[in-house]
């Protein structure tokens, strides 16, 4: 590689870093002023998503065979939202501050040991249901939704808050569960 191509590469990397920094600042400022949904709007969205959910105890058990709790799933979603509010949301794989990253980081910070890959996957499944309920899409993968160029930090924080409400409403065995324990 020549000196001139090194300079071009450095200029491209500097421009990319400047774009990432600008997006980080924008996401932090937007998160600080994110609008909230009314409790009625949250309840309606959660109900629409529940109608799309598989039947049975799909949210009662993690893929590891471990029982799940709505309180722990909700806490995992809220912890991820707190991380994104603090660190800033940037779904670029290099930045490492997307929805999946926040869920993984929340697991690492969880001193009680309640968060796991099971609760992370449950949050992801709930986010997928919520997006399907909002858009009519037949299938959604939460990481692809998070990384889409049209996504905003408000979208991500809002869906994590609603995912927590979903978990508290519909996880079997949860006190306020829409299903009997």
C-alpha atoms as a PDB file:
ATOM      1  CA  UNK A   1       0.000   0.000   0.000  1.00  0.00           C
ATOM      2  CA  UNK A   2       1.252   3.454  -0.824  1.00  0.00           C
ATOM      3  CA  UNK A   3       1.467   6.501   1.387  1.00  0.00           C
ATOM      4  CA  UNK A   4      -1.382   8.183  -0.538  1.00  0.00           C
ATOM      5  CA  UNK A   5      -3.684   5.177  -0.111  1.00  0.00           C
ATOM      6  CA  UNK A   6      -2.853   5.191   3.626  1.00  0.00           C
ATOM      7  CA  UNK A   7      -3.918   8.851   3.759  1.00  0.00           C
ATOM      8  CA  UNK A   8      -7.164   8.063   1.926  1.00  0.00           C
ATOM      9  CA  UNK A   9      -7.889   5.195   4.313  1.00  0.00           C
ATOM     10  CA  UNK A  10      -7.164   7.404   7.329  1.00  0.00           C
ATOM     11  CA  UNK A  11      -9.462  10.118   5.968  1.00  0.00           C
ATOM     12  CA  UNK A  12     -12.242   7.552   5.480  1.00  0.00           C
ATOM     13  CA  UNK A  13     -11.796   6.199   8.995  1.00  0.00           C
ATOM     14  CA  UNK A  14     -11.764   9.714  10.453  1.00  0.00           C
ATOM     15  CA  UNK A  15     -14.980  10.537   8.573  1.00  0.00           C
ATOM     16  CA  UNK A  16     -16.602   7.321   9.813  1.00  0.00           C
ATOM     17  CA  UNK A  17     -15.537   8.074  13.389  1.00  0.00           C
ATOM     18  CA  UNK A  18     -16.977  11.586  13.087  1.00  0.00           C
ATOM     19  CA  UNK A  19     -20.270  10.128  11.840  1.00  0.00           C
ATOM     20  CA  UNK A  20     -20.346   7.668  14.750  1.00  0.00           C
ATOM     21  CA  UNK A  21     -19.637  10.445  17.233  1.00  0.00           C
ATOM     22  CA  UNK A  22     -22.370  12.637  15.744  1.00  0.00           C
ATOM     23  CA  UNK A  23     -24.829   9.748  15.880  1.00  0.00           C
ATOM     24  CA  UNK A  24     -23.821   9.061  19.486  1.00  0.00           C
ATOM     25  CA  UNK A  25     -24.461  12.658  20.523  1.00  0.00           C
ATOM     26  CA  UNK A  26     -27.753  12.707  18.635  1.00  0.00           C
ATOM     27  CA  UNK A  27     -28.889   9.444  20.232  1.00  0.00           C
ATOM     28  CA  UNK A  28     -27.977  10.651  23.721  1.00  0.00           C
ATOM     29  CA  UNK A  29     -29.881  13.897  23.269  1.00  0.00           C
ATOM     30  CA  UNK A  30     -32.872  12.130  21.733  1.00  0.00           C
ATOM     31  CA  UNK A  31     -32.984   9.591  24.571  1.00  0.00           C
ATOM     32  CA  UNK A  32     -33.047  12.357  27.135  1.00  0.00           C
ATOM     33  CA  UNK A  33     -36.159  13.827  25.513  1.00  0.00           C
ATOM     34  CA  UNK A  34     -37.886  10.641  24.311  1.00  0.00           C
ATOM     35  CA  UNK A  35     -41.688  10.841  24.449  1.00  0.00           C
ATOM     36  CA  UNK A  36     -43.555   8.203  26.415  1.00  0.00           C
ATOM     37  CA  UNK A  37     -46.677   6.282  25.470  1.00  0.00           C
ATOM     38  CA  UNK A  38     -49.791   6.491  27.576  1.00  0.00           C
ATOM     39  CA  UNK A  39     -50.552   3.431  29.729  1.00  0.00           C
ATOM     40  CA  UNK A  40     -53.569   2.769  27.508  1.00  0.00           C
ATOM     41  CA  UNK A  41     -51.435   2.811  24.346  1.00  0.00           C
ATOM     42  CA  UNK A  42     -48.925   0.439  25.948  1.00  0.00           C
ATOM     43  CA  UNK A  43     -51.704  -1.941  27.042  1.00  0.00           C
ATOM     44  CA  UNK A  44     -53.226  -1.933  23.553  1.00  0.00           C
ATOM     45  CA  UNK A  45     -49.844  -2.595  21.881  1.00  0.00           C
ATOM     46  CA  UNK A  46     -49.051  -5.388  24.330  1.00  0.00           C
ATOM     47  CA  UNK A  47     -52.457  -6.994  23.711  1.00  0.00           C
ATOM     48  CA  UNK A  48     -51.993  -6.868  19.920  1.00  0.00           C
ATOM     49  CA  UNK A  49     -48.562  -8.497  20.286  1.00  0.00           C
ATOM     50  CA  UNK A  50     -49.935 -11.168  22.619  1.00  0.00           C
ATOM     51  CA  UNK A  51     -52.465 -12.201  19.972  1.00  0.00           C
ATOM     52  CA  UNK A  52     -49.502 -12.961  17.653  1.00  0.00           C
ATOM     53  CA  UNK A  53     -47.626 -15.007  20.262  1.00  0.00           C
ATOM     54  CA  UNK A  54     -47.368 -18.775  20.082  1.00  0.00           C
ATOM     55  CA  UNK A  55     -49.838 -20.512  22.333  1.00  0.00           C
ATOM     56  CA  UNK A  56     -48.839 -22.496  25.387  1.00  0.00           C
ATOM     57  CA  UNK A  57     -46.137 -21.680  27.872  1.00  0.00           C
ATOM     58  CA  UNK A  58     -43.674 -20.376  25.281  1.00  0.00           C
ATOM     59  CA  UNK A  59     -42.516 -17.638  27.678  1.00  0.00           C
ATOM     60  CA  UNK A  60     -42.493 -19.805  30.795  1.00  0.00           C
ATOM     61  CA  UNK A  61     -39.282 -21.649  29.922  1.00  0.00           C
ATOM     62  CA  UNK A  62     -35.953 -20.579  28.490  1.00  0.00           C
ATOM     63  CA  UNK A  63     -34.159 -22.569  25.798  1.00  0.00           C
ATOM     64  CA  UNK A  64     -31.916 -23.965  28.552  1.00  0.00           C
ATOM     65  CA  UNK A  65     -34.942 -25.574  30.221  1.00  0.00           C
ATOM     66  CA  UNK A  66     -34.846 -23.049  33.060  1.00  0.00           C
ATOM     67  CA  UNK A  67     -38.120 -21.447  34.180  1.00  0.00           C
ATOM     68  CA  UNK A  68     -38.473 -17.759  33.347  1.00  0.00           C
ATOM     69  CA  UNK A  69     -39.988 -14.978  35.430  1.00  0.00           C
ATOM     70  CA  UNK A  70     -41.782 -11.962  34.027  1.00  0.00           C
ATOM     71  CA  UNK A  71     -40.111  -9.786  36.632  1.00  0.00           C
ATOM     72  CA  UNK A  72     -36.629 -10.888  35.561  1.00  0.00           C
ATOM     73  CA  UNK A  73     -37.398 -10.565  31.828  1.00  0.00           C
ATOM     74  CA  UNK A  74     -38.790  -7.071  32.451  1.00  0.00           C
ATOM     75  CA  UNK A  75     -35.769  -6.138  34.576  1.00  0.00           C
ATOM     76  CA  UNK A  76     -33.443  -7.329  31.784  1.00  0.00           C
ATOM     77  CA  UNK A  77     -35.284  -5.158  29.225  1.00  0.00           C
ATOM     78  CA  UNK A  78     -35.184  -2.134  31.550  1.00  0.00           C
ATOM     79  CA  UNK A  79     -31.494  -2.645  32.348  1.00  0.00           C
ATOM     80  CA  UNK A  80     -30.691  -2.718  28.617  1.00  0.00           C
ATOM     81  CA  UNK A  81     -32.651   0.515  28.147  1.00  0.00           C
ATOM     82  CA  UNK A  82     -30.735   2.123  31.029  1.00  0.00           C
ATOM     83  CA  UNK A  83     -27.441   1.079  29.450  1.00  0.00           C
ATOM     84  CA  UNK A  84     -28.453   2.603  26.116  1.00  0.00           C
ATOM     85  CA  UNK A  85     -29.593   5.813  27.820  1.00  0.00           C
ATOM     86  CA  UNK A  86     -26.223   6.062  29.571  1.00  0.00           C
ATOM     87  CA  UNK A  87     -23.813   4.831  26.891  1.00  0.00           C
ATOM     88  CA  UNK A  88     -25.763   6.026  23.880  1.00  0.00           C
ATOM     89  CA  UNK A  89     -27.349   3.848  21.226  1.00  0.00           C
ATOM     90  CA  UNK A  90     -25.405   3.038  18.088  1.00  0.00           C
ATOM     91  CA  UNK A  91     -26.298  -0.223  16.338  1.00  0.00           C
ATOM     92  CA  UNK A  92     -23.164  -0.178  14.185  1.00  0.00           C
ATOM     93  CA  UNK A  93     -21.362  -3.459  14.862  1.00  0.00           C
ATOM     94  CA  UNK A  94     -18.091  -1.590  15.399  1.00  0.00           C
ATOM     95  CA  UNK A  95     -19.629   0.716  18.017  1.00  0.00           C
ATOM     96  CA  UNK A  96     -21.042  -2.197  20.002  1.00  0.00           C
ATOM     97  CA  UNK A  97     -23.915  -0.217  21.484  1.00  0.00           C
ATOM     98  CA  UNK A  98     -26.955  -1.723  19.821  1.00  0.00           C
ATOM     99  CA  UNK A  99     -29.890  -3.497  21.421  1.00  0.00           C
ATOM    100  CA  UNK A 100     -28.199  -6.909  21.478  1.00  0.00           C
ATOM    101  CA  UNK A 101     -25.025  -5.409  22.947  1.00  0.00           C
ATOM    102  CA  UNK A 102     -27.012  -3.720  25.723  1.00  0.00           C
ATOM    103  CA  UNK A 103     -28.802  -6.984  26.550  1.00  0.00           C
ATOM    104  CA  UNK A 104     -25.476  -8.857  26.727  1.00  0.00           C
ATOM    105  CA  UNK A 105     -23.860  -6.103  28.791  1.00  0.00           C
ATOM    106  CA  UNK A 106     -26.830  -6.138  31.190  1.00  0.00           C
ATOM    107  CA  UNK A 107     -26.164  -9.861  31.760  1.00  0.00           C
ATOM    108  CA  UNK A 108     -22.555  -9.106  32.652  1.00  0.00           C
ATOM    109  CA  UNK A 109     -23.541  -6.332  35.064  1.00  0.00           C
ATOM    110  CA  UNK A 110     -26.306  -8.326  36.768  1.00  0.00           C
ATOM    111  CA  UNK A 111     -25.058  -8.975  40.305  1.00  0.00           C
ATOM    112  CA  UNK A 112     -28.130 -11.055  41.219  1.00  0.00           C
ATOM    113  CA  UNK A 113     -27.488 -13.579  38.442  1.00  0.00           C
ATOM    114  CA  UNK A 114     -31.069 -13.493  37.148  1.00  0.00           C
ATOM    115  CA  UNK A 115     -30.246 -12.308  33.640  1.00  0.00           C
ATOM    116  CA  UNK A 116     -29.138 -14.972  31.201  1.00  0.00           C
ATOM    117  CA  UNK A 117     -29.142 -15.907  27.571  1.00  0.00           C
ATOM    118  CA  UNK A 118     -32.679 -17.178  28.241  1.00  0.00           C
ATOM    119  CA  UNK A 119     -33.927 -13.794  29.428  1.00  0.00           C
ATOM    120  CA  UNK A 120     -32.038 -12.069  26.602  1.00  0.00           C
ATOM    121  CA  UNK A 121     -33.711 -14.313  24.031  1.00  0.00           C
ATOM    122  CA  UNK A 122     -37.105 -13.772  25.687  1.00  0.00           C
ATOM    123  CA  UNK A 123     -36.681  -9.990  25.387  1.00  0.00           C
ATOM    124  CA  UNK A 124     -35.692 -10.444  21.739  1.00  0.00           C
ATOM    125  CA  UNK A 125     -38.759 -12.599  21.040  1.00  0.00           C
ATOM    126  CA  UNK A 126     -41.015 -10.046  22.732  1.00  0.00           C
ATOM    127  CA  UNK A 127     -39.465  -7.194  20.729  1.00  0.00           C
ATOM    128  CA  UNK A 128     -40.132  -9.195  17.565  1.00  0.00           C
ATOM    129  CA  UNK A 129     -43.786  -9.672  18.531  1.00  0.00           C
ATOM    130  CA  UNK A 130     -44.161  -5.981  19.340  1.00  0.00           C
ATOM    131  CA  UNK A 131     -42.697  -4.938  15.984  1.00  0.00           C
ATOM    132  CA  UNK A 132     -44.948  -7.417  14.191  1.00  0.00           C
ATOM    133  CA  UNK A 133     -47.960  -6.014  16.049  1.00  0.00           C
ATOM    134  CA  UNK A 134     -46.985  -2.460  15.108  1.00  0.00           C
ATOM    135  CA  UNK A 135     -46.118  -3.126  11.459  1.00  0.00           C
ATOM    136  CA  UNK A 136     -48.040  -6.201  10.355  1.00  0.00           C
ATOM    137  CA  UNK A 137     -44.794  -7.929   9.321  1.00  0.00           C
ATOM    138  CA  UNK A 138     -45.057 -11.743   9.367  1.00  0.00           C
ATOM    139  CA  UNK A 139     -41.616 -12.179  10.976  1.00  0.00           C
ATOM    140  CA  UNK A 140     -39.128  -9.876  12.671  1.00  0.00           C
ATOM    141  CA  UNK A 141     -35.663 -10.533  14.069  1.00  0.00           C
ATOM    142  CA  UNK A 142     -34.890  -7.962  16.755  1.00  0.00           C
ATOM    143  CA  UNK A 143     -31.232  -7.448  15.775  1.00  0.00           C
ATOM    144  CA  UNK A 144     -32.175  -6.667  12.169  1.00  0.00           C
ATOM    145  CA  UNK A 145     -34.926  -4.314  13.365  1.00  0.00           C
ATOM    146  CA  UNK A 146     -32.462  -2.521  15.660  1.00  0.00           C
ATOM    147  CA  UNK A 147     -29.848  -2.106  12.924  1.00  0.00           C
ATOM    148  CA  UNK A 148     -32.211  -0.809  10.233  1.00  0.00           C
ATOM    149  CA  UNK A 149     -31.185   2.681   9.024  1.00  0.00           C
ATOM    150  CA  UNK A 150     -34.659   4.087   9.759  1.00  0.00           C
ATOM    151  CA  UNK A 151     -34.481   3.096  13.437  1.00  0.00           C
ATOM    152  CA  UNK A 152     -34.132   5.779  16.091  1.00  0.00           C
ATOM    153  CA  UNK A 153     -33.044   5.665  19.684  1.00  0.00           C
ATOM    154  CA  UNK A 154     -36.597   6.619  20.682  1.00  0.00           C
ATOM    155  CA  UNK A 155     -37.902   3.519  18.879  1.00  0.00           C
ATOM    156  CA  UNK A 156     -35.444   1.274  20.701  1.00  0.00           C
ATOM    157  CA  UNK A 157     -35.999   2.717  24.175  1.00  0.00           C
ATOM    158  CA  UNK A 158     -39.744   2.711  23.731  1.00  0.00           C
ATOM    159  CA  UNK A 159     -39.883  -0.897  22.595  1.00  0.00           C
ATOM    160  CA  UNK A 160     -37.748  -2.006  25.561  1.00  0.00           C
ATOM    161  CA  UNK A 161     -40.162  -0.280  27.939  1.00  0.00           C
ATOM    162  CA  UNK A 162     -43.136  -1.937  26.242  1.00  0.00           C
ATOM    163  CA  UNK A 163     -41.310  -5.309  26.218  1.00  0.00           C
ATOM    164  CA  UNK A 164     -41.003  -5.010  30.010  1.00  0.00           C
ATOM    165  CA  UNK A 165     -44.751  -4.360  30.248  1.00  0.00           C
ATOM    166  CA  UNK A 166     -45.415  -7.392  28.023  1.00  0.00           C
ATOM    167  CA  UNK A 167     -43.258  -9.631  30.219  1.00  0.00           C
ATOM    168  CA  UNK A 168     -45.010  -8.469  33.367  1.00  0.00           C
ATOM    169  CA  UNK A 169     -48.422  -8.999  31.787  1.00  0.00           C
ATOM    170  CA  UNK A 170     -48.043 -12.304  29.972  1.00  0.00           C
ATOM    171  CA  UNK A 171     -45.280 -14.405  31.504  1.00  0.00           C
ATOM    172  CA  UNK A 172     -46.959 -17.357  33.232  1.00  0.00           C
ATOM    173  CA  UNK A 173     -46.519 -17.208  36.994  1.00  0.00           C
ATOM    174  CA  UNK A 174     -46.153 -13.416  37.025  1.00  0.00           C
ATOM    175  CA  UNK A 175     -48.386 -11.738  39.578  1.00  0.00           C
ATOM    176  CA  UNK A 176     -50.068  -9.411  37.054  1.00  0.00           C
ATOM    177  CA  UNK A 177     -49.992 -12.064  34.334  1.00  0.00           C
ATOM    178  CA  UNK A 178     -52.786 -12.131  31.804  1.00  0.00           C
ATOM    179  CA  UNK A 179     -52.577 -15.921  32.172  1.00  0.00           C
ATOM    180  CA  UNK A 180     -53.256 -17.813  35.357  1.00  0.00           C
ATOM    181  CA  UNK A 181     -50.151 -19.245  36.954  1.00  0.00           C
END
